[in-house]
Protein backbone atom coordinates (compact mmCIF):
# COMPACT_ATOMS: atom_id res chain seq x y z
CA UNK A 1 13.35 10.07 14.26
CA UNK A 2 10.06 8.98 14.31
CA UNK A 3 8.74 5.98 12.13
CA UNK A 4 7.38 6.98 8.93
CA UNK A 5 4.12 4.97 9.75
CA UNK A 6 3.15 4.85 13.43
CA UNK A 7 -0.40 3.55 14.48
CA UNK A 8 -1.85 3.52 18.37
CA UNK A 9 -4.41 1.72 19.66
CA UNK A 10 -6.15 1.29 16.12
CA UNK A 11 -9.71 -0.20 16.72
CA UNK A 12 -12.09 -0.60 13.73
CA UNK A 13 -15.36 -3.06 13.62
CA UNK A 14 -18.25 -3.30 10.83
CA UNK A 15 -21.20 -4.00 13.17
CA UNK A 16 -20.81 -6.82 15.86
CA UNK A 17 -17.21 -7.85 13.98
CA UNK A 18 -14.13 -6.40 15.22
CA UNK A 19 -11.88 -6.35 12.50
CA UNK A 20 -8.75 -4.37 14.24
CA UNK A 21 -8.63 -4.70 18.29
CA UNK A 22 -6.26 -1.93 19.69
CA UNK A 23 -3.62 -2.33 17.11
CA UNK A 24 0.02 -0.99 17.61
CA UNK A 25 1.89 -0.77 14.55
CA UNK A 26 5.05 0.99 13.26
CA UNK A 27 6.96 1.48 9.88
CA UNK A 28 10.37 2.79 9.71
CA UNK A 29 11.47 5.06 6.57
CA UNK A 30 12.82 2.73 4.13
CA UNK A 31 11.51 -0.33 5.52
CA UNK A 32 9.32 -2.89 3.69
CA UNK A 33 7.08 -4.92 5.48
CA UNK A 34 4.70 -7.63 4.21
CA UNK A 35 1.74 -8.41 6.23
CA UNK A 36 0.19 -11.79 6.11
CA UNK A 37 -2.66 -13.51 7.49
CA UNK A 38 -6.07 -15.12 6.57
CA UNK A 39 -8.95 -13.63 5.07
CA UNK A 40 -10.65 -11.73 7.48
CA UNK A 41 -7.78 -11.14 9.78
CA UNK A 42 -7.61 -7.02 9.14
CA UNK A 43 -4.70 -6.70 6.86
CA UNK A 44 -6.78 -4.70 4.21
CA UNK A 45 -8.28 -2.78 6.75
CA UNK A 46 -5.07 -1.71 8.45
CA UNK A 47 -4.04 -0.28 4.89
CA UNK A 48 -7.37 1.53 4.46
CA UNK A 49 -6.96 3.29 7.59
CA UNK A 50 -3.30 4.37 6.71
CA UNK A 51 -4.67 6.43 4.14
CA UNK A 52 -8.39 7.20 5.69
CA UNK A 53 -10.29 5.33 3.31
CA UNK A 54 -11.67 3.76 6.50
CA UNK A 55 -12.13 5.98 9.82
CA UNK A 56 -10.97 4.28 12.79
CA UNK A 57 -13.09 3.76 15.71
CA UNK A 58 -10.66 4.69 17.98
CA UNK A 59 -6.54 5.23 17.76
CA UNK A 60 -4.51 7.43 15.64
CA UNK A 61 -2.14 7.17 12.57
CA UNK A 62 0.49 9.05 11.74
CA UNK A 63 2.63 9.16 8.36
CA UNK A 64 5.78 11.04 8.60
CA UNK A 65 4.83 12.69 12.02
CA UNK A 66 1.55 14.10 10.83
CA UNK A 67 -1.71 12.55 12.10
CA UNK A 68 -4.01 11.19 9.28
CA UNK A 69 -7.39 12.71 9.28
CA UNK A 70 -6.97 15.16 11.85
CA UNK A 71 -5.32 18.70 12.19
CA UNK A 72 -3.77 19.57 15.69
CA UNK A 73 -4.89 23.12 17.18
CA UNK A 74 -2.86 23.14 20.71
CA UNK A 75 -4.19 20.53 22.59
CA UNK A 76 -7.21 19.74 20.37
CA UNK A 77 -7.48 17.58 17.23
CA UNK A 78 -9.97 18.55 14.55
CA UNK A 79 -11.44 16.12 11.58
CA UNK A 80 -10.08 17.01 8.33
CA UNK A 81 -12.48 16.36 5.41
CA UNK A 82 -12.63 17.37 1.44
CA UNK A 83 -9.20 19.30 0.30
CA UNK A 84 -7.30 18.93 3.59
CA UNK A 85 -7.89 15.33 3.50
CA UNK A 86 -6.78 14.86 0.07
CA UNK A 87 -3.53 16.50 0.52
CA UNK A 88 -2.91 14.39 3.37
CA UNK A 89 -3.92 11.42 1.25
CA UNK A 90 -1.30 12.43 -1.89
CA UNK A 91 1.61 11.45 0.44
CA UNK A 92 0.14 7.61 0.69
CA UNK A 93 0.54 5.75 -2.64
CA UNK A 94 -2.17 3.16 -2.76
CA UNK A 95 -1.98 0.19 -5.29
CA UNK A 96 -5.31 -2.22 -5.01
CA UNK A 97 -6.13 -5.51 -6.16
CA UNK A 98 -8.05 -4.51 -9.15
CA UNK A 99 -5.88 -1.78 -10.84
CA UNK A 100 -9.01 0.78 -10.67
CA UNK A 101 -7.83 2.98 -13.99
CA UNK A 102 -10.15 5.10 -16.10
CA UNK A 103 -10.94 3.29 -18.86
CA UNK A 104 -11.85 6.03 -21.06
CA UNK A 105 -8.51 7.54 -20.47
CA UNK A 106 -4.96 6.66 -22.15
CA UNK A 107 -2.37 5.37 -19.91
CA UNK A 108 -0.53 8.45 -19.88
CA UNK A 109 -3.63 10.46 -18.74
CA UNK A 110 -4.29 7.77 -15.97
CA UNK A 111 -0.99 8.54 -14.45
CA UNK A 112 -0.96 12.34 -14.93
CA UNK A 113 -4.42 12.58 -13.43
CA UNK A 114 -3.43 12.91 -9.86
CA UNK A 115 -0.43 14.69 -10.13
CA UNK A 116 -2.21 17.54 -11.87
CA UNK A 117 -5.70 17.52 -10.38
CA UNK A 118 -4.71 16.79 -6.57
CA UNK A 119 -0.97 18.20 -6.58
CA UNK A 120 -1.97 21.16 -9.18
CA UNK A 121 1.62 19.96 -10.90
CA UNK A 122 1.97 22.14 -14.28
CA UNK A 123 0.77 19.36 -16.83
CA UNK A 124 4.52 20.17 -18.43
CA UNK A 125 6.42 18.74 -15.58
CA UNK A 126 3.82 16.26 -14.51
CA UNK A 127 4.16 14.81 -18.10
CA UNK A 128 7.89 14.46 -17.90
CA UNK A 129 7.68 12.86 -14.58
CA UNK A 130 5.04 10.26 -15.68
CA UNK A 131 6.92 9.42 -18.89
CA UNK A 132 10.22 8.35 -16.79
CA UNK A 133 7.82 6.40 -14.58
CA UNK A 134 6.17 4.35 -17.55
CA UNK A 135 9.67 3.81 -18.91
CA UNK A 136 10.70 2.62 -15.45
CA UNK A 137 7.87 -0.19 -15.42
CA UNK A 138 8.48 -1.19 -18.53
CA UNK A 139 5.39 0.65 -20.67
CA UNK A 140 6.94 2.98 -22.70
CA UNK A 141 5.30 1.89 -25.75
CA UNK A 142 1.97 1.51 -24.47
CA UNK A 143 1.45 5.59 -23.52
CA UNK A 144 -1.51 6.28 -25.98
CA UNK A 145 -3.27 2.85 -25.21
CA UNK A 146 -6.28 2.11 -23.26
CA UNK A 147 -6.62 0.14 -19.87
CA UNK A 148 -8.89 -2.10 -22.08
CA UNK A 149 -5.95 -2.98 -24.50
CA UNK A 150 -3.26 -3.78 -21.92
CA UNK A 151 -2.85 -7.23 -19.98
CA UNK A 152 -3.58 -7.70 -16.31
CA UNK A 153 -0.02 -7.12 -15.60
CA UNK A 154 0.44 -3.85 -17.39
CA UNK A 155 -2.68 -2.60 -16.09
CA UNK A 156 -1.33 -3.24 -12.70
CA UNK A 157 2.13 -1.70 -13.68
CA UNK A 158 0.34 1.50 -14.86
CA UNK A 159 -1.60 1.49 -11.38
CA UNK A 160 1.89 1.55 -9.33
CA UNK A 161 3.45 4.24 -11.95
CA UNK A 162 -0.10 6.16 -11.33
CA UNK A 163 0.70 6.18 -7.31
CA UNK A 164 4.13 6.98 -7.63
CA UNK A 165 3.77 9.89 -9.67
CA UNK A 166 2.00 11.71 -6.86
CA UNK A 167 5.77 11.28 -5.45
CA UNK A 168 4.37 9.59 -1.88
CA UNK A 169 6.08 9.09 1.05
CA UNK A 170 4.98 5.68 1.71
CA UNK A 171 3.18 3.12 -0.91
CA UNK A 172 0.43 0.61 0.23
CA UNK A 173 0.08 -2.40 -1.79
CA UNK A 174 -3.45 -4.27 -1.06
CA UNK A 175 -2.82 -7.93 -2.69
CA UNK A 176 -1.50 -6.17 -5.92
CA UNK A 177 -1.27 -10.02 -7.85
CA UNK A 178 -4.28 -11.86 -6.46
CA UNK A 179 -6.10 -10.58 -9.49
CA UNK A 180 -3.57 -11.79 -12.13
CA UNK A 181 -2.93 -14.85 -13.60
CA UNK A 182 -0.01 -16.76 -12.60
CA UNK A 183 1.95 -15.92 -15.41
CA UNK A 184 1.39 -12.26 -14.93
CA UNK A 185 2.59 -11.98 -11.24
CA UNK A 186 6.22 -11.79 -11.76
CA UNK A 187 6.39 -8.82 -13.87
CA UNK A 188 4.91 -6.55 -11.17
CA UNK A 189 6.58 -8.32 -8.38
CA UNK A 190 9.63 -7.32 -9.98
CA UNK A 191 8.40 -3.24 -9.88
CA UNK A 192 7.95 -3.64 -6.59
CA UNK A 193 11.50 -5.18 -5.60
CA UNK A 194 12.89 -2.42 -7.92
CA UNK A 195 11.11 0.07 -5.60
CA UNK A 196 12.27 -1.39 -2.58
CA UNK A 197 15.68 -1.62 -3.52
CA UNK A 198 15.64 2.39 -4.42
CA UNK A 199 14.28 2.54 -0.40
CA UNK A 200 10.64 3.34 -0.84
CA UNK A 201 8.84 2.98 2.47
CA UNK A 202 6.30 0.01 1.64
CA UNK A 203 3.59 -2.11 3.68
CA UNK A 204 2.16 -4.91 1.22
CA UNK A 205 -0.75 -7.34 2.11
CA UNK A 206 0.21 -10.61 0.05
CA UNK A 207 -0.26 -14.17 -0.10
CA UNK A 208 3.24 -14.30 -2.19
CA UNK A 209 5.56 -16.18 0.31
CA UNK A 210 8.49 -15.94 -2.14
CA UNK A 211 8.22 -12.24 -2.41
CA UNK A 212 8.05 -11.55 1.40
CA UNK A 213 11.04 -13.86 2.05
CA UNK A 214 13.13 -12.28 -0.20
CA UNK A 215 11.98 -8.35 -0.38
CA UNK A 216 10.38 -7.57 3.12
CA UNK A 217 12.49 -6.25 6.17
CA UNK A 218 9.75 -7.67 8.44
CA UNK A 219 7.05 -9.92 8.14
CA UNK A 220 3.86 -9.25 10.28
CA UNK A 221 1.40 -12.06 10.84
CA UNK A 222 -2.15 -10.95 11.35
CA UNK A 223 -5.13 -12.69 12.76
CA UNK A 224 -8.41 -11.64 14.72
CA UNK A 225 -7.40 -8.37 14.01
CA UNK A 226 -4.38 -8.05 16.31
CA UNK A 227 -0.31 -9.03 15.31
CA UNK A 228 0.46 -12.48 16.48
CA UNK A 229 3.92 -12.72 14.99
CA UNK A 230 6.46 -10.53 13.66
CA UNK A 231 10.30 -10.54 12.83
CA UNK A 232 12.63 -10.87 10.16
CA UNK A 233 11.11 -13.15 7.08
CA UNK A 234 13.70 -16.11 8.04
CA UNK A 235 12.19 -15.90 11.55
CA UNK A 236 8.58 -15.67 11.05
CA UNK A 237 8.37 -17.53 7.43
CA UNK A 238 10.76 -20.25 7.90
CA UNK A 239 10.80 -20.63 11.59
CA UNK A 240 7.47 -19.45 13.12
CA UNK A 241 6.92 -19.74 16.90
CA UNK A 242 3.73 -19.19 17.28
CA UNK A 243 1.27 -22.24 16.05
CA UNK A 244 -1.54 -20.32 14.31
CA UNK A 245 1.38 -18.87 12.20
CA UNK A 246 2.86 -22.44 11.63
CA UNK A 247 -0.73 -23.67 10.46
CA UNK A 248 -1.56 -20.69 7.91
CA UNK A 249 1.77 -21.12 6.22
CA UNK A 250 1.54 -24.97 6.10
CA UNK A 251 -1.75 -24.34 3.94
CA UNK A 252 -0.27 -21.34 1.92
CA UNK A 253 3.15 -22.49 1.19
């Protein structure tokens, strides 16, 4: 079987700045991969290329065997836009740093939005699923509340439930705890650990070294748009082989 996520020759620049430099990258089905590295190393851009929020300058990405952003016709690739691209993205859950909830809609309606609008699920079916997800993230009593009435940790748990409501094949997390007060970080990481235990394929950009050590199947250290070092957490975090990895971990530990 092919990997759930595959990237080959992935490159992306912003003006003169090269952010991804010919990256090859695989994530197996059910694997949890944590991306570590300094700001500007390309971690978030890699995630945004996976779900086509950023258009790579070169290279291809596939999710579950389907090339993201393109439709194959014989030997030709035709770039997707609009509804076709939205259909592909619906298989890729994304959780951002800053929640991105609709402030004028209830928590339940925030979770329902994608399933009803993008996936065209019947509202009754989507609502039943949304309520199960809100229960799973510990927010059963908040379905009628609005985002502004919730703590940051609760809002991020709503964002996770919203992404899961699309029934994604892979979940992307872009520093999901970086905007939270320290005492709220644990409640979000607990939900992510639960997802990992259930076998969800996950790519997580994080500076939470303890989470990476405990939950990740593989840790990747990036710098300068390339993969510097990768391997199981006990190797990369506890016994890094590359000096650049050692110096980074010494600063963030």
